[in-house]
Amino acid sequence: MKSRSIRVFLRAPEADDCDSLISLYRASRQHFHGYADSSYTRERFEIMLRDSAQDSNENFLICRIDDNTIIGTLNLSQIFRKSFQNAYLGYQLFAGFTGSGYMTEAVALALRHAFANLGLHRLEANVQPVNKPSIAVLVRNGFSKEGFSRRYLKINGRWRDHERWAILKEDW
């Protein structure tokens, strides 16, 4: 899938993206600290490619249209079918690309893909309560806060609380 908005597009990662992603994660280590695991290796990249080949995961690179620069990543994981029709949304922008509305556009593209192409009923995102910019992205895309999960994810050796946000296809 390749989908475009005004300033960004989503594309599947390719084998030759590995070195670029490793460099971007290294340059963003401080930016991600406390929010996401910033260690990125060739092995982790290969796992992402392998996961992308499964029906239960879709991984994307967020790229700027004007220069094709990779500015972030986005994924739909644990895609459940049958009576659930749900997936989890994860996303991150690399250092230097935040605060410009890129992620709002990328998440809008992911919603279109999830609901129009994959036929999902629901998309869920879990965000740390202190990550106000990420929460703002969800709000701008129509997500509603559904709950609070104590010590939900272990990030950089510490269990972190998260808020659970979701959007239904009919609310999109």
C-alpha atoms as a PDB file:
ATOM      1  CA  MET A   1       0.000   0.000   0.000  1.00  0.00           C
ATOM      2  CA  LYS A   2       1.182   3.484  -0.818  1.00  0.00           C
ATOM      3  CA  SER A   3      -1.137   6.229   0.339  1.00  0.00           C
ATOM      4  CA  ARG A   4      -0.670  10.013   0.163  1.00  0.00           C
ATOM      5  CA  SER A   5      -1.939  13.086   1.980  1.00  0.00           C
ATOM      6  CA  ILE A   6      -0.979  16.691   1.312  1.00  0.00           C
ATOM      7  CA  ARG A   7       2.572  16.410   2.695  1.00  0.00           C
ATOM      8  CA  VAL A   8       3.257  12.771   3.597  1.00  0.00           C
ATOM      9  CA  PHE A   9       2.828   9.289   2.258  1.00  0.00           C
ATOM     10  CA  LEU A  10       2.997   5.842   3.814  1.00  0.00           C
ATOM     11  CA  ARG A  11       4.955   3.056   2.212  1.00  0.00           C
ATOM     12  CA  ALA A  12       6.062  -0.402   3.197  1.00  0.00           C
ATOM     13  CA  PRO A  13       9.655  -0.713   4.399  1.00  0.00           C
ATOM     14  CA  GLU A  14      12.130  -2.256   1.977  1.00  0.00           C
ATOM     15  CA  ALA A  15      15.373  -4.114   2.642  1.00  0.00           C
ATOM     16  CA  ASP A  16      17.513  -1.143   1.627  1.00  0.00           C
ATOM     17  CA  ASP A  17      15.853   1.096   4.282  1.00  0.00           C
ATOM     18  CA  CYS A  18      17.690  -0.653   7.121  1.00  0.00           C
ATOM     19  CA  ASP A  19      20.752   1.593   7.423  1.00  0.00           C
ATOM     20  CA  SER A  20      18.662   4.763   7.175  1.00  0.00           C
ATOM     21  CA  LEU A  21      16.329   3.594   9.942  1.00  0.00           C
ATOM     22  CA  ILE A  22      19.208   2.609  12.214  1.00  0.00           C
ATOM     23  CA  SER A  23      20.697   6.102  11.754  1.00  0.00           C
ATOM     24  CA  LEU A  24      17.347   7.831  12.346  1.00  0.00           C
ATOM     25  CA  TYR A  25      16.703   5.854  15.539  1.00  0.00           C
ATOM     26  CA  ARG A  26      20.205   6.612  16.820  1.00  0.00           C
ATOM     27  CA  ALA A  27      19.746  10.334  16.134  1.00  0.00           C
ATOM     28  CA  SER A  28      16.369  10.207  17.931  1.00  0.00           C
ATOM     29  CA  ARG A  29      17.517   8.310  21.034  1.00  0.00           C
ATOM     30  CA  GLN A  30      16.957  11.272  23.414  1.00  0.00           C
ATOM     31  CA  HIS A  31      13.735  12.225  21.644  1.00  0.00           C
ATOM     32  CA  PHE A  32      12.243   8.748  22.229  1.00  0.00           C
ATOM     33  CA  HIS A  33      13.602   8.226  25.756  1.00  0.00           C
ATOM     34  CA  GLY A  34      10.794   7.238  28.080  1.00  0.00           C
ATOM     35  CA  TYR A  35       8.261   6.883  25.272  1.00  0.00           C
ATOM     36  CA  ALA A  36       9.625   4.152  23.036  1.00  0.00           C
ATOM     37  CA  ASP A  37      12.482   1.706  22.800  1.00  0.00           C
ATOM     38  CA  SER A  38      15.058   3.659  20.838  1.00  0.00           C
ATOM     39  CA  SER A  39      17.493   0.794  20.306  1.00  0.00           C
ATOM     40  CA  TYR A  40      17.275  -0.278  16.696  1.00  0.00           C
ATOM     41  CA  THR A  41      19.357  -2.978  15.092  1.00  0.00           C
ATOM     42  CA  ARG A  42      19.531  -4.866  11.826  1.00  0.00           C
ATOM     43  CA  GLU A  43      17.887  -7.815  13.619  1.00  0.00           C
ATOM     44  CA  ARG A  44      14.972  -5.646  14.737  1.00  0.00           C
ATOM     45  CA  PHE A  45      14.576  -4.380  11.165  1.00  0.00           C
ATOM     46  CA  GLU A  46      14.527  -7.947   9.828  1.00  0.00           C
ATOM     47  CA  ILE A  47      11.859  -8.867  12.396  1.00  0.00           C
ATOM     48  CA  MET A  48       9.785  -5.891  11.205  1.00  0.00           C
ATOM     49  CA  LEU A  49      10.075  -7.076   7.594  1.00  0.00           C
ATOM     50  CA  ARG A  50       9.131 -10.612   8.607  1.00  0.00           C
ATOM     51  CA  ASP A  51       6.169  -9.344  10.671  1.00  0.00           C
ATOM     52  CA  SER A  52       5.003  -7.246   7.716  1.00  0.00           C
ATOM     53  CA  ALA A  53       4.611 -10.416   5.666  1.00  0.00           C
ATOM     54  CA  GLN A  54       1.977 -11.706   8.112  1.00  0.00           C
ATOM     55  CA  ASP A  55      -1.706 -10.820   7.849  1.00  0.00           C
ATOM     56  CA  SER A  56      -1.719  -9.705  11.491  1.00  0.00           C
ATOM     57  CA  ASN A  57       0.778  -6.825  11.071  1.00  0.00           C
ATOM     58  CA  GLU A  58       1.356  -3.945   8.687  1.00  0.00           C
ATOM     59  CA  ASN A  59       4.399  -1.691   9.033  1.00  0.00           C
ATOM     60  CA  PHE A  60       4.876   1.599   7.207  1.00  0.00           C
ATOM     61  CA  LEU A  61       7.430   4.314   6.815  1.00  0.00           C
ATOM     62  CA  ILE A  62       6.120   7.873   6.939  1.00  0.00           C
ATOM     63  CA  CYS A  63       7.802   9.896   4.184  1.00  0.00           C
ATOM     64  CA  ARG A  64       7.610  13.530   3.124  1.00  0.00           C
ATOM     65  CA  ILE A  65       6.214  13.959  -0.359  1.00  0.00           C
ATOM     66  CA  ASP A  66       8.462  16.851  -1.366  1.00  0.00           C
ATOM     67  CA  ASP A  67      11.774  15.007  -0.857  1.00  0.00           C
ATOM     68  CA  ASN A  68      10.902  11.344  -0.001  1.00  0.00           C
ATOM     69  CA  THR A  69      12.662  11.721   3.376  1.00  0.00           C
ATOM     70  CA  ILE A  70      11.726   9.070   5.944  1.00  0.00           C
ATOM     71  CA  ILE A  71      10.378  11.037   8.922  1.00  0.00           C
ATOM     72  CA  GLY A  72       8.757   8.317  11.031  1.00  0.00           C
ATOM     73  CA  THR A  73       7.167   4.911  11.322  1.00  0.00           C
ATOM     74  CA  LEU A  74       3.599   3.711  11.736  1.00  0.00           C
ATOM     75  CA  ASN A  75       2.211   0.241  12.280  1.00  0.00           C
ATOM     76  CA  LEU A  76      -1.027  -1.650  12.566  1.00  0.00           C
ATOM     77  CA  SER A  77      -0.358  -4.635  14.780  1.00  0.00           C
ATOM     78  CA  GLN A  78      -2.312  -7.539  16.184  1.00  0.00           C
ATOM     79  CA  ILE A  79      -4.872  -7.236  13.406  1.00  0.00           C
ATOM     80  CA  PHE A  80      -7.752  -9.405  14.553  1.00  0.00           C
ATOM     81  CA  ARG A  81     -10.389 -10.673  12.136  1.00  0.00           C
ATOM     82  CA  LYS A  82     -13.651 -12.586  12.530  1.00  0.00           C
ATOM     83  CA  SER A  83     -15.942 -11.030  15.155  1.00  0.00           C
ATOM     84  CA  PHE A  84     -13.384  -8.494  16.493  1.00  0.00           C
ATOM     85  CA  GLN A  85     -12.055  -6.665  13.353  1.00  0.00           C
ATOM     86  CA  ASN A  86      -9.618  -4.606  15.457  1.00  0.00           C
ATOM     87  CA  ALA A  87      -5.995  -3.513  15.274  1.00  0.00           C
ATOM     88  CA  TYR A  88      -3.552  -1.572  17.419  1.00  0.00           C
ATOM     89  CA  LEU A  89      -2.040   1.604  16.016  1.00  0.00           C
ATOM     90  CA  GLY A  90       1.523   2.578  16.831  1.00  0.00           C
ATOM     91  CA  TYR A  91       3.480   5.528  15.489  1.00  0.00           C
ATOM     92  CA  GLN A  92       6.520   7.717  16.024  1.00  0.00           C
ATOM     93  CA  LEU A  93       8.208  10.639  14.323  1.00  0.00           C
ATOM     94  CA  PHE A  94      11.960  10.976  14.340  1.00  0.00           C
ATOM     95  CA  ALA A  95      13.664  13.930  16.025  1.00  0.00           C
ATOM     96  CA  GLY A  96      13.409  17.139  14.046  1.00  0.00           C
ATOM     97  CA  PHE A  97      10.083  16.314  12.390  1.00  0.00           C
ATOM     98  CA  THR A  98       7.622  16.835  15.258  1.00  0.00           C
ATOM     99  CA  GLY A  99       5.284  19.757  15.761  1.00  0.00           C
ATOM    100  CA  SER A 100       4.472  20.268  12.080  1.00  0.00           C
ATOM    101  CA  GLY A 101       1.298  18.186  11.734  1.00  0.00           C
ATOM    102  CA  TYR A 102       2.960  15.350   9.844  1.00  0.00           C
ATOM    103  CA  MET A 103       1.720  12.689  12.253  1.00  0.00           C
ATOM    104  CA  THR A 104      -1.859  13.960  12.129  1.00  0.00           C
ATOM    105  CA  GLU A 105      -1.765  13.430   8.360  1.00  0.00           C
ATOM    106  CA  ALA A 106      -0.077  10.020   8.657  1.00  0.00           C
ATOM    107  CA  VAL A 107      -2.643   8.753  11.169  1.00  0.00           C
ATOM    108  CA  ALA A 108      -5.450   9.969   8.875  1.00  0.00           C
ATOM    109  CA  LEU A 109      -3.914   7.855   6.091  1.00  0.00           C
ATOM    110  CA  ALA A 110      -3.702   4.869   8.437  1.00  0.00           C
ATOM    111  CA  LEU A 111      -7.383   5.265   9.356  1.00  0.00           C
ATOM    112  CA  ARG A 112      -8.373   5.312   5.690  1.00  0.00           C
ATOM    113  CA  HIS A 113      -6.326   2.168   5.097  1.00  0.00           C
ATOM    114  CA  ALA A 114      -7.656   0.370   8.190  1.00  0.00           C
ATOM    115  CA  PHE A 115     -11.317   1.135   7.563  1.00  0.00           C
ATOM    116  CA  ALA A 116     -11.604   1.401   3.766  1.00  0.00           C
ATOM    117  CA  ASN A 117      -9.003  -1.141   2.624  1.00  0.00           C
ATOM    118  CA  LEU A 118      -8.770  -3.647   5.477  1.00  0.00           C
ATOM    119  CA  GLY A 119     -12.426  -3.413   6.498  1.00  0.00           C
ATOM    120  CA  LEU A 120     -11.647  -3.111  10.201  1.00  0.00           C
ATOM    121  CA  HIS A 121     -14.316  -2.010  12.683  1.00  0.00           C
ATOM    122  CA  ARG A 122     -12.066  -0.492  15.340  1.00  0.00           C
ATOM    123  CA  LEU A 123      -8.572   0.915  15.800  1.00  0.00           C
ATOM    124  CA  GLU A 124      -6.955   1.314  19.210  1.00  0.00           C
ATOM    125  CA  ALA A 125      -3.906   3.311  20.339  1.00  0.00           C
ATOM    126  CA  ASN A 126      -2.267   3.277  23.761  1.00  0.00           C
ATOM    127  CA  VAL A 127      -0.437   6.445  24.797  1.00  0.00           C
ATOM    128  CA  GLN A 128       1.351   7.571  27.936  1.00  0.00           C
ATOM    129  CA  PRO A 129      -0.694  10.308  29.652  1.00  0.00           C
ATOM    130  CA  VAL A 130       2.307  12.676  29.633  1.00  0.00           C
ATOM    131  CA  ASN A 131       2.626  12.441  25.837  1.00  0.00           C
ATOM    132  CA  LYS A 132       0.299  15.358  25.082  1.00  0.00           C
ATOM    133  CA  PRO A 133       1.386  15.796  21.431  1.00  0.00           C
ATOM    134  CA  SER A 134       0.504  12.158  20.688  1.00  0.00           C
ATOM    135  CA  ILE A 135      -2.864  12.505  22.418  1.00  0.00           C
ATOM    136  CA  ALA A 136      -3.532  15.637  20.345  1.00  0.00           C
ATOM    137  CA  VAL A 137      -2.888  13.636  17.146  1.00  0.00           C
ATOM    138  CA  LEU A 138      -5.496  11.091  18.224  1.00  0.00           C
ATOM    139  CA  VAL A 139      -8.056  13.742  19.184  1.00  0.00           C
ATOM    140  CA  ARG A 140      -7.600  15.533  15.834  1.00  0.00           C
ATOM    141  CA  ASN A 141      -8.282  12.215  14.097  1.00  0.00           C
ATOM    142  CA  GLY A 142     -11.499  11.511  16.027  1.00  0.00           C
ATOM    143  CA  PHE A 143     -10.284   9.014  18.636  1.00  0.00           C
ATOM    144  CA  SER A 144     -12.044   8.865  22.020  1.00  0.00           C
ATOM    145  CA  LYS A 145     -10.433   8.061  25.342  1.00  0.00           C
ATOM    146  CA  GLU A 146     -11.740   4.726  26.592  1.00  0.00           C
ATOM    147  CA  GLY A 147      -9.685   3.966  29.646  1.00  0.00           C
ATOM    148  CA  PHE A 148      -6.492   3.838  31.634  1.00  0.00           C
ATOM    149  CA  SER A 149      -4.089   0.900  31.838  1.00  0.00           C
ATOM    150  CA  ARG A 150      -1.712   0.911  34.789  1.00  0.00           C
ATOM    151  CA  ARG A 151       1.837  -0.259  34.110  1.00  0.00           C
ATOM    152  CA  TYR A 152       0.801  -1.274  30.608  1.00  0.00           C
ATOM    153  CA  LEU A 153       4.107  -1.404  28.701  1.00  0.00           C
ATOM    154  CA  LYS A 154       7.703  -1.867  29.768  1.00  0.00           C
ATOM    155  CA  ILE A 155       9.750   0.829  28.037  1.00  0.00           C
ATOM    156  CA  ASN A 156      13.477   1.235  28.661  1.00  0.00           C
ATOM    157  CA  GLY A 157      13.274  -1.029  31.713  1.00  0.00           C
ATOM    158  CA  ARG A 158      10.316   0.695  33.382  1.00  0.00           C
ATOM    159  CA  TRP A 159       6.610  -0.161  33.396  1.00  0.00           C
ATOM    160  CA  ARG A 160       4.614   2.813  32.097  1.00  0.00           C
ATOM    161  CA  ASP A 161       0.956   3.745  32.503  1.00  0.00           C
ATOM    162  CA  HIS A 162      -1.026   4.329  29.303  1.00  0.00           C
ATOM    163  CA  GLU A 163      -4.358   5.751  28.247  1.00  0.00           C
ATOM    164  CA  ARG A 164      -6.394   3.657  25.830  1.00  0.00           C
ATOM    165  CA  TRP A 165      -7.825   5.594  22.878  1.00  0.00           C
ATOM    166  CA  ALA A 166      -9.967   4.126  20.088  1.00  0.00           C
ATOM    167  CA  ILE A 167     -12.024   5.006  17.057  1.00  0.00           C
ATOM    168  CA  LEU A 168     -14.800   2.999  15.417  1.00  0.00           C
ATOM    169  CA  LYS A 169     -15.350   2.897  11.685  1.00  0.00           C
ATOM    170  CA  GLU A 170     -18.753   4.581  12.054  1.00  0.00           C
ATOM    171  CA  ASP A 171     -17.138   7.481  13.967  1.00  0.00           C
ATOM    172  CA  TRP A 172     -14.423   8.008  11.366  1.00  0.00           C
END
